[in-house]
Structures are given as structure tokens and as C-alpha cells.
Amino acid sequence: MAARMGSWPPGRPAMLARLAGPWWMFLLTGVSWLIISWAVLRFSIASVATVGLLLGVVFLISAIGETMIAAARVGWSWLHILMSVIFVLGAIWSFASPFDAFWSLSAVIGLLLILRGSLDVITAIPAREVLPTWWLGLVTGILEIVLGFWASQQAFPARAALVIFFVGFFTLFRGISDIVLAFELKSVARA
């Protein structure tokens, strides 16, 4: 870390610490994500409701973000306000009926995985001339496409398992990255 900080322009570590806020906030959010991951990955009927409620929380956070963008921008602010209203309606629906929100998410996630996998394959092939690890993007894209078709099938238990694993591992990795970021910010604040 010291070698990396030595190559930064003067004042950059202090600026990063001010922008990021207190390091312990990331530690708390990381631990919170790990607890959510533990609850989701236990894979019970409560996991379905938890994921539906988490979707509502994500919609609320997105609505707040869209409102902040609308307040900061002059042009196209109406579109951000419209998106904020749509996110609030989605949050209300997720909180009122978390099971239905979960099944809707599982229906959409298959399509998103197919699209994302296709994009990864398309970008990985030209990258072989530049990146020695281009094949990782290709393998990831192929796996995403396969998972997308698996999630698009009509068998509800298979779709439920995929969505729960996806959300569980997403929250697990998010928690780990927030904890690592917290300790990196703490070391930058000391410098």
C-alpha cells in the first residue's frame, strides 16, 4: 500500500479519505451485507421473502439516487423524476408482496443473464489481441448465457435456486469488498 501511495499525487490520500467518509461506515455495511448473505443462502421459504424485500430496498435506494440526479442536472431531469416514481412504485409493490416480486425478478433475471453473457462474449473476442486473460471474459459470458437459459425455464424451484444463489453470492461479495475497502480507507486516513 505504501508503494502505491507513493506514486499518488500529493494530497490524493487525504482527498480520498474525505470523499469516502468514515472508514467504519464501510465496515458496518460490509458486515450487514454478510448477514443478509447468510440469511439468503440458507435457502428456505424465508429466503424468497427476504430477496423480495431486498428488491424493495434496492428500488428505494435507486429512487433516492434518481431524485438526487434530477436535482443536480438541468436537462433531462424530468426523466430522472419519472424513473424515481417508477422505482418508488416498484418498492411499494416489493414491500406489499415480496413473493410476487421475487418471482418477477426470477423471470427477468434469465433475460438479463442472456444479454449480459452475450455482451461479455462479444467484448471478449476482440480483446484477445490486447489482454492475455481474454478467455476469462469468454468463459464468463458462456456461463452467463447457460445460466440465463436455465433461469428462463418454467420450473419454479430451479429459478428460485438460481435467484437465491445469485443474490446470496452478490451480497457475500459486496460485503467482503466493503470490508476490504473499509480497511484500505483506514490505512489511507493514517497516511
N, C-alpha and C. Protein backbone atom coordinates (compact mmCIF):
# COMPACT_ATOMS: atom_id res chain seq x y z
N MET A 1 0.83 -1.19 0.00
CA MET A 1 0.00 0.00 0.00
C MET A 1 0.86 1.24 0.00
N ALA A 2 1.98 1.20 0.73
CA ALA A 2 2.86 2.37 0.79
C ALA A 2 3.46 2.66 -0.57
N ALA A 3 3.83 1.62 -1.31
CA ALA A 3 4.40 1.84 -2.64
C ALA A 3 3.36 2.46 -3.56
N ARG A 4 2.13 2.03 -3.43
CA ARG A 4 1.08 2.57 -4.28
C ARG A 4 0.78 4.02 -3.89
N MET A 5 0.80 4.31 -2.59
CA MET A 5 0.52 5.68 -2.15
C MET A 5 1.64 6.62 -2.55
N GLY A 6 2.87 6.11 -2.64
CA GLY A 6 3.99 6.95 -3.02
C GLY A 6 3.88 7.46 -4.44
N SER A 7 3.18 6.74 -5.29
CA SER A 7 3.04 7.16 -6.69
C SER A 7 1.86 8.10 -6.88
N TRP A 8 1.05 8.31 -5.87
CA TRP A 8 -0.09 9.21 -5.99
C TRP A 8 0.37 10.66 -5.90
N PRO A 9 -0.35 11.58 -6.53
CA PRO A 9 -0.03 12.99 -6.38
C PRO A 9 -0.22 13.43 -4.93
N PRO A 10 0.49 14.48 -4.52
CA PRO A 10 0.36 14.94 -3.12
C PRO A 10 -1.08 15.31 -2.80
N GLY A 11 -1.53 14.90 -1.62
CA GLY A 11 -2.88 15.22 -1.16
C GLY A 11 -3.95 14.24 -1.61
N ARG A 12 -3.62 13.31 -2.50
CA ARG A 12 -4.64 12.38 -3.01
C ARG A 12 -5.18 11.47 -1.91
N PRO A 13 -4.34 10.87 -1.02
CA PRO A 13 -4.92 10.02 0.03
C PRO A 13 -5.88 10.78 0.94
N ALA A 14 -5.56 12.01 1.29
CA ALA A 14 -6.45 12.80 2.14
C ALA A 14 -7.76 13.11 1.41
N MET A 15 -7.66 13.39 0.12
CA MET A 15 -8.86 13.67 -0.66
C MET A 15 -9.75 12.42 -0.73
N LEU A 16 -9.14 11.26 -0.93
CA LEU A 16 -9.91 10.02 -0.97
C LEU A 16 -10.61 9.76 0.36
N ALA A 17 -9.90 10.01 1.45
CA ALA A 17 -10.50 9.80 2.77
C ALA A 17 -11.68 10.73 3.00
N ARG A 18 -11.57 12.00 2.54
CA ARG A 18 -12.68 12.95 2.70
C ARG A 18 -13.87 12.55 1.84
N LEU A 19 -13.62 12.10 0.61
CA LEU A 19 -14.71 11.72 -0.28
C LEU A 19 -15.43 10.47 0.20
N ALA A 20 -14.69 9.54 0.74
CA ALA A 20 -15.28 8.26 1.12
C ALA A 20 -16.02 8.34 2.45
N GLY A 21 -15.67 9.27 3.30
CA GLY A 21 -16.31 9.34 4.60
C GLY A 21 -15.59 8.47 5.62
N PRO A 22 -16.20 8.29 6.77
CA PRO A 22 -15.56 7.47 7.80
C PRO A 22 -15.41 6.01 7.33
N TRP A 23 -14.24 5.46 7.62
CA TRP A 23 -13.94 4.10 7.16
C TRP A 23 -14.86 3.07 7.81
N TRP A 24 -15.30 3.33 9.03
CA TRP A 24 -16.10 2.36 9.76
C TRP A 24 -17.50 2.20 9.17
N MET A 25 -17.96 3.19 8.38
CA MET A 25 -19.27 3.04 7.73
C MET A 25 -19.24 1.88 6.73
N PHE A 26 -18.12 1.76 6.01
CA PHE A 26 -17.98 0.65 5.08
C PHE A 26 -17.86 -0.68 5.81
N LEU A 27 -17.24 -0.64 6.98
CA LEU A 27 -17.15 -1.86 7.79
C LEU A 27 -18.54 -2.31 8.24
N LEU A 28 -19.35 -1.37 8.67
CA LEU A 28 -20.72 -1.70 9.10
C LEU A 28 -21.57 -2.20 7.93
N THR A 29 -21.47 -1.54 6.79
CA THR A 29 -22.25 -2.01 5.64
C THR A 29 -21.76 -3.37 5.16
N GLY A 30 -20.45 -3.60 5.23
CA GLY A 30 -19.92 -4.91 4.84
C GLY A 30 -20.43 -6.02 5.73
N VAL A 31 -20.44 -5.78 7.03
CA VAL A 31 -20.97 -6.79 7.96
C VAL A 31 -22.47 -6.99 7.72
N SER A 32 -23.18 -5.90 7.44
CA SER A 32 -24.62 -6.01 7.14
C SER A 32 -24.86 -6.86 5.89
N TRP A 33 -24.07 -6.64 4.85
CA TRP A 33 -24.19 -7.45 3.64
C TRP A 33 -23.91 -8.92 3.92
N LEU A 34 -22.92 -9.19 4.78
CA LEU A 34 -22.61 -10.59 5.11
C LEU A 34 -23.76 -11.25 5.87
N ILE A 35 -24.40 -10.51 6.75
CA ILE A 35 -25.56 -11.06 7.48
C ILE A 35 -26.71 -11.34 6.51
N ILE A 36 -26.95 -10.42 5.59
CA ILE A 36 -28.00 -10.64 4.59
C ILE A 36 -27.67 -11.85 3.74
N SER A 37 -26.41 -11.97 3.35
CA SER A 37 -25.98 -13.12 2.55
C SER A 37 -26.21 -14.42 3.30
N TRP A 38 -25.89 -14.43 4.57
CA TRP A 38 -26.10 -15.64 5.39
C TRP A 38 -27.59 -16.00 5.43
N ALA A 39 -28.45 -14.99 5.58
CA ALA A 39 -29.89 -15.26 5.63
C ALA A 39 -30.41 -15.77 4.30
N VAL A 40 -29.95 -15.18 3.20
CA VAL A 40 -30.44 -15.58 1.88
C VAL A 40 -29.94 -16.97 1.51
N LEU A 41 -28.67 -17.25 1.78
CA LEU A 41 -28.09 -18.52 1.36
C LEU A 41 -28.55 -19.71 2.19
N ARG A 42 -29.31 -19.48 3.23
CA ARG A 42 -29.87 -20.60 3.99
C ARG A 42 -30.97 -21.30 3.20
N PHE A 43 -31.46 -20.70 2.13
CA PHE A 43 -32.40 -21.26 1.16
C PHE A 43 -33.61 -21.92 1.81
N SER A 44 -34.49 -21.08 2.27
CA SER A 44 -35.77 -21.54 2.79
C SER A 44 -36.85 -20.65 2.19
N ILE A 45 -38.07 -20.85 2.57
CA ILE A 45 -39.15 -20.01 2.07
C ILE A 45 -38.97 -18.57 2.56
N ALA A 46 -38.29 -18.40 3.69
CA ALA A 46 -37.99 -17.05 4.17
C ALA A 46 -37.00 -16.34 3.24
N SER A 47 -36.14 -17.12 2.56
CA SER A 47 -35.19 -16.52 1.62
C SER A 47 -35.92 -15.84 0.48
N VAL A 48 -37.01 -16.44 0.03
CA VAL A 48 -37.79 -15.85 -1.06
C VAL A 48 -38.33 -14.49 -0.62
N ALA A 49 -38.89 -14.44 0.56
CA ALA A 49 -39.42 -13.17 1.07
C ALA A 49 -38.30 -12.17 1.31
N THR A 50 -37.15 -12.63 1.80
CA THR A 50 -36.01 -11.74 2.04
C THR A 50 -35.54 -11.10 0.75
N VAL A 51 -35.43 -11.90 -0.31
CA VAL A 51 -34.99 -11.37 -1.59
C VAL A 51 -36.02 -10.38 -2.13
N GLY A 52 -37.30 -10.67 -1.97
CA GLY A 52 -38.34 -9.74 -2.39
C GLY A 52 -38.25 -8.42 -1.64
N LEU A 53 -38.00 -8.48 -0.33
CA LEU A 53 -37.85 -7.26 0.45
C LEU A 53 -36.57 -6.51 0.08
N LEU A 54 -35.49 -7.25 -0.18
CA LEU A 54 -34.24 -6.61 -0.62
C LEU A 54 -34.44 -5.88 -1.94
N LEU A 55 -35.25 -6.45 -2.80
CA LEU A 55 -35.56 -5.78 -4.06
C LEU A 55 -36.25 -4.45 -3.79
N GLY A 56 -37.14 -4.42 -2.81
CA GLY A 56 -37.78 -3.17 -2.42
C GLY A 56 -36.79 -2.14 -1.91
N VAL A 57 -35.82 -2.60 -1.12
CA VAL A 57 -34.78 -1.69 -0.61
C VAL A 57 -33.95 -1.14 -1.77
N VAL A 58 -33.58 -2.00 -2.71
CA VAL A 58 -32.81 -1.56 -3.88
C VAL A 58 -33.61 -0.53 -4.68
N PHE A 59 -34.92 -0.76 -4.84
CA PHE A 59 -35.76 0.20 -5.55
C PHE A 59 -35.78 1.54 -4.83
N LEU A 60 -35.89 1.52 -3.50
CA LEU A 60 -35.91 2.78 -2.74
C LEU A 60 -34.59 3.53 -2.87
N ILE A 61 -33.49 2.83 -2.77
CA ILE A 61 -32.17 3.47 -2.92
C ILE A 61 -32.03 4.04 -4.33
N SER A 62 -32.51 3.31 -5.32
CA SER A 62 -32.45 3.79 -6.70
C SER A 62 -33.32 5.03 -6.87
N ALA A 63 -34.48 5.06 -6.23
CA ALA A 63 -35.36 6.24 -6.31
C ALA A 63 -34.68 7.46 -5.71
N ILE A 64 -34.01 7.28 -4.59
CA ILE A 64 -33.28 8.40 -3.96
C ILE A 64 -32.17 8.88 -4.88
N GLY A 65 -31.44 7.93 -5.47
CA GLY A 65 -30.37 8.30 -6.39
C GLY A 65 -30.89 9.06 -7.60
N GLU A 66 -31.99 8.61 -8.18
CA GLU A 66 -32.56 9.30 -9.34
C GLU A 66 -33.04 10.70 -8.96
N THR A 67 -33.60 10.85 -7.76
CA THR A 67 -34.04 12.18 -7.30
C THR A 67 -32.85 13.11 -7.13
N MET A 68 -31.75 12.59 -6.59
CA MET A 68 -30.55 13.41 -6.42
C MET A 68 -29.97 13.81 -7.78
N ILE A 69 -30.00 12.90 -8.74
CA ILE A 69 -29.50 13.23 -10.08
C ILE A 69 -30.40 14.29 -10.71
N ALA A 70 -31.72 14.16 -10.53
CA ALA A 70 -32.65 15.15 -11.09
C ALA A 70 -32.41 16.53 -10.49
N ALA A 71 -32.08 16.58 -9.21
CA ALA A 71 -31.83 17.86 -8.56
C ALA A 71 -30.52 18.49 -9.04
N ALA A 72 -29.56 17.66 -9.42
CA ALA A 72 -28.25 18.17 -9.82
C ALA A 72 -28.18 18.53 -11.30
N ARG A 73 -29.05 17.96 -12.12
CA ARG A 73 -28.99 18.18 -13.56
C ARG A 73 -30.07 19.15 -14.00
N VAL A 74 -29.75 19.89 -15.03
CA VAL A 74 -30.73 20.82 -15.59
C VAL A 74 -31.52 20.11 -16.69
N GLY A 75 -30.85 19.50 -17.62
CA GLY A 75 -31.52 18.82 -18.72
C GLY A 75 -31.92 17.40 -18.35
N TRP A 76 -32.99 16.95 -18.90
CA TRP A 76 -33.49 15.60 -18.73
C TRP A 76 -33.86 15.27 -17.28
N SER A 77 -34.05 16.27 -16.45
CA SER A 77 -34.41 15.98 -15.05
C SER A 77 -35.79 15.33 -14.96
N TRP A 78 -36.67 15.62 -15.90
CA TRP A 78 -38.00 15.01 -15.88
C TRP A 78 -37.92 13.50 -16.01
N LEU A 79 -36.94 13.03 -16.80
CA LEU A 79 -36.79 11.59 -16.98
C LEU A 79 -36.31 10.92 -15.68
N HIS A 80 -35.43 11.59 -14.97
CA HIS A 80 -34.96 11.06 -13.69
C HIS A 80 -36.07 11.07 -12.65
N ILE A 81 -36.91 12.07 -12.68
CA ILE A 81 -38.05 12.11 -11.76
C ILE A 81 -39.03 10.98 -12.09
N LEU A 82 -39.27 10.76 -13.37
CA LEU A 82 -40.13 9.65 -13.79
C LEU A 82 -39.56 8.31 -13.33
N MET A 83 -38.27 8.12 -13.50
CA MET A 83 -37.63 6.88 -13.04
C MET A 83 -37.75 6.75 -11.53
N SER A 84 -37.61 7.85 -10.81
CA SER A 84 -37.75 7.82 -9.36
C SER A 84 -39.14 7.37 -8.95
N VAL A 85 -40.16 7.87 -9.63
CA VAL A 85 -41.54 7.48 -9.33
C VAL A 85 -41.74 5.99 -9.63
N ILE A 86 -41.19 5.52 -10.75
CA ILE A 86 -41.30 4.10 -11.09
C ILE A 86 -40.61 3.24 -10.03
N PHE A 87 -39.43 3.67 -9.57
CA PHE A 87 -38.73 2.92 -8.52
C PHE A 87 -39.51 2.91 -7.22
N VAL A 88 -40.15 4.02 -6.86
CA VAL A 88 -40.96 4.06 -5.63
C VAL A 88 -42.13 3.11 -5.76
N LEU A 89 -42.80 3.09 -6.91
CA LEU A 89 -43.92 2.15 -7.11
C LEU A 89 -43.43 0.71 -7.03
N GLY A 90 -42.26 0.44 -7.60
CA GLY A 90 -41.69 -0.91 -7.51
C GLY A 90 -41.36 -1.28 -6.07
N ALA A 91 -40.87 -0.33 -5.28
CA ALA A 91 -40.56 -0.58 -3.87
C ALA A 91 -41.83 -0.88 -3.08
N ILE A 92 -42.88 -0.11 -3.34
CA ILE A 92 -44.15 -0.35 -2.65
C ILE A 92 -44.65 -1.76 -2.97
N TRP A 93 -44.59 -2.13 -4.25
CA TRP A 93 -45.04 -3.45 -4.67
C TRP A 93 -44.18 -4.55 -4.03
N SER A 94 -42.87 -4.34 -3.96
CA SER A 94 -41.99 -5.34 -3.35
C SER A 94 -42.25 -5.51 -1.87
N PHE A 95 -42.53 -4.41 -1.17
CA PHE A 95 -42.81 -4.50 0.25
C PHE A 95 -44.19 -5.10 0.51
N ALA A 96 -45.15 -4.79 -0.37
CA ALA A 96 -46.51 -5.31 -0.18
C ALA A 96 -46.61 -6.79 -0.54
N SER A 97 -45.87 -7.22 -1.54
CA SER A 97 -45.94 -8.60 -2.00
C SER A 97 -44.55 -9.12 -2.36
N PRO A 98 -43.73 -9.45 -1.34
CA PRO A 98 -42.35 -9.86 -1.64
C PRO A 98 -42.26 -11.16 -2.43
N PHE A 99 -43.23 -12.06 -2.27
CA PHE A 99 -43.18 -13.32 -3.03
C PHE A 99 -43.37 -13.06 -4.52
N ASP A 100 -44.35 -12.22 -4.86
CA ASP A 100 -44.57 -11.88 -6.27
C ASP A 100 -43.38 -11.13 -6.85
N ALA A 101 -42.79 -10.25 -6.06
CA ALA A 101 -41.61 -9.51 -6.53
C ALA A 101 -40.46 -10.47 -6.80
N PHE A 102 -40.31 -11.48 -5.94
CA PHE A 102 -39.25 -12.48 -6.13
C PHE A 102 -39.45 -13.23 -7.45
N TRP A 103 -40.66 -13.70 -7.72
CA TRP A 103 -40.90 -14.48 -8.93
C TRP A 103 -40.78 -13.62 -10.18
N SER A 104 -41.14 -12.36 -10.09
CA SER A 104 -40.94 -11.46 -11.23
C SER A 104 -39.46 -11.24 -11.49
N LEU A 105 -38.70 -11.09 -10.40
CA LEU A 105 -37.25 -10.94 -10.54
C LEU A 105 -36.64 -12.17 -11.17
N SER A 106 -37.09 -13.34 -10.76
CA SER A 106 -36.52 -14.56 -11.32
C SER A 106 -36.86 -14.71 -12.80
N ALA A 107 -38.01 -14.19 -13.23
CA ALA A 107 -38.36 -14.25 -14.64
C ALA A 107 -37.49 -13.31 -15.47
N VAL A 108 -37.17 -12.16 -14.91
CA VAL A 108 -36.39 -11.16 -15.64
C VAL A 108 -34.90 -11.49 -15.63
N ILE A 109 -34.44 -12.10 -14.56
CA ILE A 109 -33.00 -12.34 -14.43
C ILE A 109 -32.47 -13.26 -15.52
N GLY A 110 -33.29 -14.18 -16.01
CA GLY A 110 -32.85 -15.05 -17.10
C GLY A 110 -32.53 -14.25 -18.35
N LEU A 111 -33.41 -13.33 -18.70
CA LEU A 111 -33.18 -12.48 -19.87
C LEU A 111 -31.95 -11.61 -19.68
N LEU A 112 -31.80 -11.04 -18.49
CA LEU A 112 -30.64 -10.19 -18.22
C LEU A 112 -29.33 -10.97 -18.30
N LEU A 113 -29.33 -12.20 -17.80
CA LEU A 113 -28.12 -13.02 -17.88
C LEU A 113 -27.78 -13.37 -19.33
N ILE A 114 -28.78 -13.64 -20.14
CA ILE A 114 -28.52 -13.94 -21.56
C ILE A 114 -27.93 -12.70 -22.25
N LEU A 115 -28.51 -11.54 -22.00
CA LEU A 115 -28.00 -10.31 -22.62
C LEU A 115 -26.59 -9.98 -22.13
N ARG A 116 -26.38 -10.10 -20.83
CA ARG A 116 -25.05 -9.81 -20.26
C ARG A 116 -24.00 -10.80 -20.77
N GLY A 117 -24.36 -12.07 -20.82
CA GLY A 117 -23.44 -13.08 -21.34
C GLY A 117 -23.08 -12.83 -22.79
N SER A 118 -24.07 -12.45 -23.59
CA SER A 118 -23.80 -12.14 -24.99
C SER A 118 -22.85 -10.96 -25.11
N LEU A 119 -23.06 -9.94 -24.29
CA LEU A 119 -22.17 -8.78 -24.30
C LEU A 119 -20.75 -9.17 -23.89
N ASP A 120 -20.62 -10.02 -22.88
CA ASP A 120 -19.29 -10.47 -22.45
C ASP A 120 -18.57 -11.26 -23.54
N VAL A 121 -19.30 -12.11 -24.25
CA VAL A 121 -18.70 -12.88 -25.34
C VAL A 121 -18.27 -11.94 -26.47
N ILE A 122 -19.14 -10.99 -26.80
CA ILE A 122 -18.85 -10.05 -27.89
C ILE A 122 -17.63 -9.19 -27.58
N THR A 123 -17.47 -8.78 -26.32
CA THR A 123 -16.32 -7.94 -25.96
C THR A 123 -15.06 -8.74 -25.70
N ALA A 124 -15.19 -10.01 -25.35
CA ALA A 124 -14.01 -10.82 -25.05
C ALA A 124 -13.24 -11.22 -26.30
N ILE A 125 -13.95 -11.50 -27.37
CA ILE A 125 -13.28 -11.99 -28.58
C ILE A 125 -12.33 -10.94 -29.16
N PRO A 126 -12.73 -9.67 -29.34
CA PRO A 126 -11.76 -8.69 -29.85
C PRO A 126 -10.65 -8.37 -28.84
N ALA A 127 -10.89 -8.63 -27.56
CA ALA A 127 -9.89 -8.32 -26.53
C ALA A 127 -8.73 -9.30 -26.53
N ARG A 128 -8.83 -10.39 -27.29
CA ARG A 128 -7.75 -11.39 -27.27
C ARG A 128 -6.44 -10.84 -27.80
N GLU A 129 -6.50 -9.78 -28.61
CA GLU A 129 -5.28 -9.17 -29.14
C GLU A 129 -4.61 -8.27 -28.11
N VAL A 130 -5.35 -7.85 -27.10
CA VAL A 130 -4.83 -6.88 -26.13
C VAL A 130 -4.61 -7.51 -24.76
N LEU A 131 -5.54 -8.33 -24.31
CA LEU A 131 -5.50 -8.89 -22.95
C LEU A 131 -5.11 -10.37 -22.98
N PRO A 132 -4.16 -10.76 -22.17
CA PRO A 132 -3.82 -12.19 -22.12
C PRO A 132 -4.90 -13.03 -21.42
N THR A 133 -5.76 -12.39 -20.65
CA THR A 133 -6.81 -13.12 -19.93
C THR A 133 -8.17 -12.94 -20.61
N TRP A 134 -8.18 -12.74 -21.91
CA TRP A 134 -9.42 -12.52 -22.65
C TRP A 134 -10.36 -13.71 -22.53
N TRP A 135 -9.81 -14.88 -22.37
CA TRP A 135 -10.61 -16.10 -22.33
C TRP A 135 -11.49 -16.16 -21.09
N LEU A 136 -11.09 -15.46 -20.02
CA LEU A 136 -11.94 -15.41 -18.82
C LEU A 136 -13.27 -14.73 -19.13
N GLY A 137 -13.23 -13.66 -19.90
CA GLY A 137 -14.47 -13.00 -20.30
C GLY A 137 -15.32 -13.88 -21.18
N LEU A 138 -14.68 -14.66 -22.06
CA LEU A 138 -15.41 -15.57 -22.92
C LEU A 138 -16.09 -16.67 -22.12
N VAL A 139 -15.35 -17.27 -21.19
CA VAL A 139 -15.91 -18.33 -20.35
C VAL A 139 -17.04 -17.78 -19.48
N THR A 140 -16.83 -16.59 -18.91
CA THR A 140 -17.87 -15.97 -18.09
C THR A 140 -19.13 -15.71 -18.91
N GLY A 141 -18.96 -15.21 -20.12
CA GLY A 141 -20.11 -14.94 -20.99
C GLY A 141 -20.88 -16.20 -21.34
N ILE A 142 -20.16 -17.26 -21.64
CA ILE A 142 -20.82 -18.53 -21.97
C ILE A 142 -21.58 -19.05 -20.76
N LEU A 143 -20.96 -18.98 -19.57
CA LEU A 143 -21.65 -19.43 -18.35
C LEU A 143 -22.88 -18.59 -18.06
N GLU A 144 -22.79 -17.29 -18.29
CA GLU A 144 -23.96 -16.43 -18.06
C GLU A 144 -25.09 -16.77 -19.02
N ILE A 145 -24.76 -17.08 -20.26
CA ILE A 145 -25.80 -17.46 -21.22
C ILE A 145 -26.46 -18.76 -20.80
N VAL A 146 -25.66 -19.74 -20.39
CA VAL A 146 -26.22 -21.03 -19.95
C VAL A 146 -27.12 -20.82 -18.72
N LEU A 147 -26.64 -20.02 -17.75
CA LEU A 147 -27.45 -19.73 -16.56
C LEU A 147 -28.73 -18.98 -16.93
N GLY A 148 -28.63 -18.09 -17.92
CA GLY A 148 -29.81 -17.35 -18.36
C GLY A 148 -30.88 -18.25 -18.93
N PHE A 149 -30.46 -19.23 -19.75
CA PHE A 149 -31.44 -20.18 -20.28
C PHE A 149 -31.99 -21.07 -19.17
N TRP A 150 -31.15 -21.43 -18.21
CA TRP A 150 -31.62 -22.25 -17.10
C TRP A 150 -32.65 -21.48 -16.27
N ALA A 151 -32.39 -20.19 -16.05
CA ALA A 151 -33.32 -19.38 -15.25
C ALA A 151 -34.61 -19.09 -16.00
N SER A 152 -34.58 -19.18 -17.32
CA SER A 152 -35.78 -18.87 -18.12
C SER A 152 -36.74 -20.04 -18.22
N GLN A 153 -36.35 -21.19 -17.74
CA GLN A 153 -37.25 -22.34 -17.83
C GLN A 153 -38.45 -22.14 -16.90
N GLN A 154 -39.44 -22.96 -17.04
CA GLN A 154 -40.68 -22.81 -16.29
C GLN A 154 -40.67 -23.47 -14.92
N ALA A 155 -39.65 -24.25 -14.61
CA ALA A 155 -39.60 -24.94 -13.31
C ALA A 155 -39.28 -23.93 -12.21
N PHE A 156 -40.25 -23.67 -11.35
CA PHE A 156 -40.06 -22.66 -10.31
C PHE A 156 -38.93 -22.98 -9.34
N PRO A 157 -38.74 -24.22 -8.89
CA PRO A 157 -37.63 -24.46 -7.96
C PRO A 157 -36.27 -24.14 -8.55
N ALA A 158 -36.07 -24.41 -9.84
CA ALA A 158 -34.78 -24.10 -10.47
C ALA A 158 -34.57 -22.59 -10.54
N ARG A 159 -35.61 -21.86 -10.91
CA ARG A 159 -35.49 -20.41 -10.96
C ARG A 159 -35.26 -19.84 -9.58
N ALA A 160 -35.94 -20.37 -8.59
CA ALA A 160 -35.77 -19.87 -7.22
C ALA A 160 -34.35 -20.11 -6.74
N ALA A 161 -33.81 -21.29 -7.02
CA ALA A 161 -32.44 -21.59 -6.59
C ALA A 161 -31.44 -20.65 -7.24
N LEU A 162 -31.61 -20.39 -8.54
CA LEU A 162 -30.69 -19.51 -9.23
C LEU A 162 -30.74 -18.10 -8.66
N VAL A 163 -31.92 -17.57 -8.48
CA VAL A 163 -32.04 -16.20 -7.97
C VAL A 163 -31.49 -16.10 -6.56
N ILE A 164 -31.79 -17.09 -5.73
CA ILE A 164 -31.29 -17.04 -4.35
C ILE A 164 -29.77 -17.15 -4.32
N PHE A 165 -29.20 -18.03 -5.13
CA PHE A 165 -27.74 -18.12 -5.19
C PHE A 165 -27.13 -16.83 -5.73
N PHE A 166 -27.76 -16.27 -6.76
CA PHE A 166 -27.26 -15.03 -7.35
C PHE A 166 -27.26 -13.90 -6.32
N VAL A 167 -28.39 -13.71 -5.66
CA VAL A 167 -28.50 -12.64 -4.66
C VAL A 167 -27.60 -12.94 -3.46
N GLY A 168 -27.56 -14.20 -3.03
CA GLY A 168 -26.73 -14.57 -1.89
C GLY A 168 -25.25 -14.32 -2.13
N PHE A 169 -24.78 -14.73 -3.29
CA PHE A 169 -23.35 -14.54 -3.57
C PHE A 169 -23.03 -13.09 -3.91
N PHE A 170 -23.99 -12.37 -4.52
CA PHE A 170 -23.78 -10.95 -4.75
C PHE A 170 -23.60 -10.21 -3.42
N THR A 171 -24.48 -10.50 -2.46
CA THR A 171 -24.37 -9.83 -1.17
C THR A 171 -23.12 -10.27 -0.42
N LEU A 172 -22.72 -11.54 -0.57
CA LEU A 172 -21.49 -12.02 0.06
C LEU A 172 -20.28 -11.27 -0.48
N PHE A 173 -20.16 -11.18 -1.81
CA PHE A 173 -19.01 -10.49 -2.40
C PHE A 173 -19.05 -9.00 -2.13
N ARG A 174 -20.25 -8.42 -2.09
CA ARG A 174 -20.37 -7.00 -1.76
C ARG A 174 -19.92 -6.75 -0.33
N GLY A 175 -20.29 -7.64 0.59
CA GLY A 175 -19.85 -7.49 1.98
C GLY A 175 -18.34 -7.58 2.12
N ILE A 176 -17.74 -8.54 1.45
CA ILE A 176 -16.29 -8.69 1.50
C ILE A 176 -15.60 -7.46 0.92
N SER A 177 -16.09 -6.97 -0.22
CA SER A 177 -15.44 -5.80 -0.83
C SER A 177 -15.61 -4.55 0.03
N ASP A 178 -16.76 -4.39 0.69
CA ASP A 178 -16.93 -3.23 1.58
C ASP A 178 -15.99 -3.32 2.79
N ILE A 179 -15.80 -4.51 3.33
CA ILE A 179 -14.88 -4.66 4.47
C ILE A 179 -13.44 -4.37 4.04
N VAL A 180 -13.04 -4.88 2.88
CA VAL A 180 -11.69 -4.60 2.37
C VAL A 180 -11.52 -3.11 2.13
N LEU A 181 -12.52 -2.47 1.53
CA LEU A 181 -12.48 -1.04 1.29
C LEU A 181 -12.37 -0.26 2.61
N ALA A 182 -13.07 -0.71 3.63
CA ALA A 182 -13.02 -0.03 4.93
C ALA A 182 -11.59 -0.02 5.47
N PHE A 183 -10.92 -1.15 5.41
CA PHE A 183 -9.57 -1.20 5.95
C PHE A 183 -8.57 -0.48 5.05
N GLU A 184 -8.81 -0.42 3.75
CA GLU A 184 -7.95 0.37 2.88
C GLU A 184 -8.12 1.85 3.17
N LEU A 185 -9.36 2.29 3.40
CA LEU A 185 -9.59 3.68 3.75
C LEU A 185 -8.98 4.03 5.09
N LYS A 186 -9.02 3.08 6.02
CA LYS A 186 -8.40 3.32 7.33
C LYS A 186 -6.90 3.51 7.19
N SER A 187 -6.27 2.70 6.34
CA SER A 187 -4.82 2.84 6.15
C SER A 187 -4.48 4.12 5.40
N VAL A 188 -5.35 4.55 4.48
CA VAL A 188 -5.12 5.81 3.75
C VAL A 188 -5.30 6.98 4.70
N ALA A 189 -6.26 6.90 5.61
CA ALA A 189 -6.50 8.01 6.55
C ALA A 189 -5.34 8.19 7.50
N ARG A 190 -4.63 7.11 7.81
CA ARG A 190 -3.46 7.21 8.70
C ARG A 190 -2.27 7.84 8.00
N ALA A 191 -2.22 7.73 6.69
CA ALA A 191 -1.04 8.23 5.94
C ALA A 191 -1.02 9.73 5.85
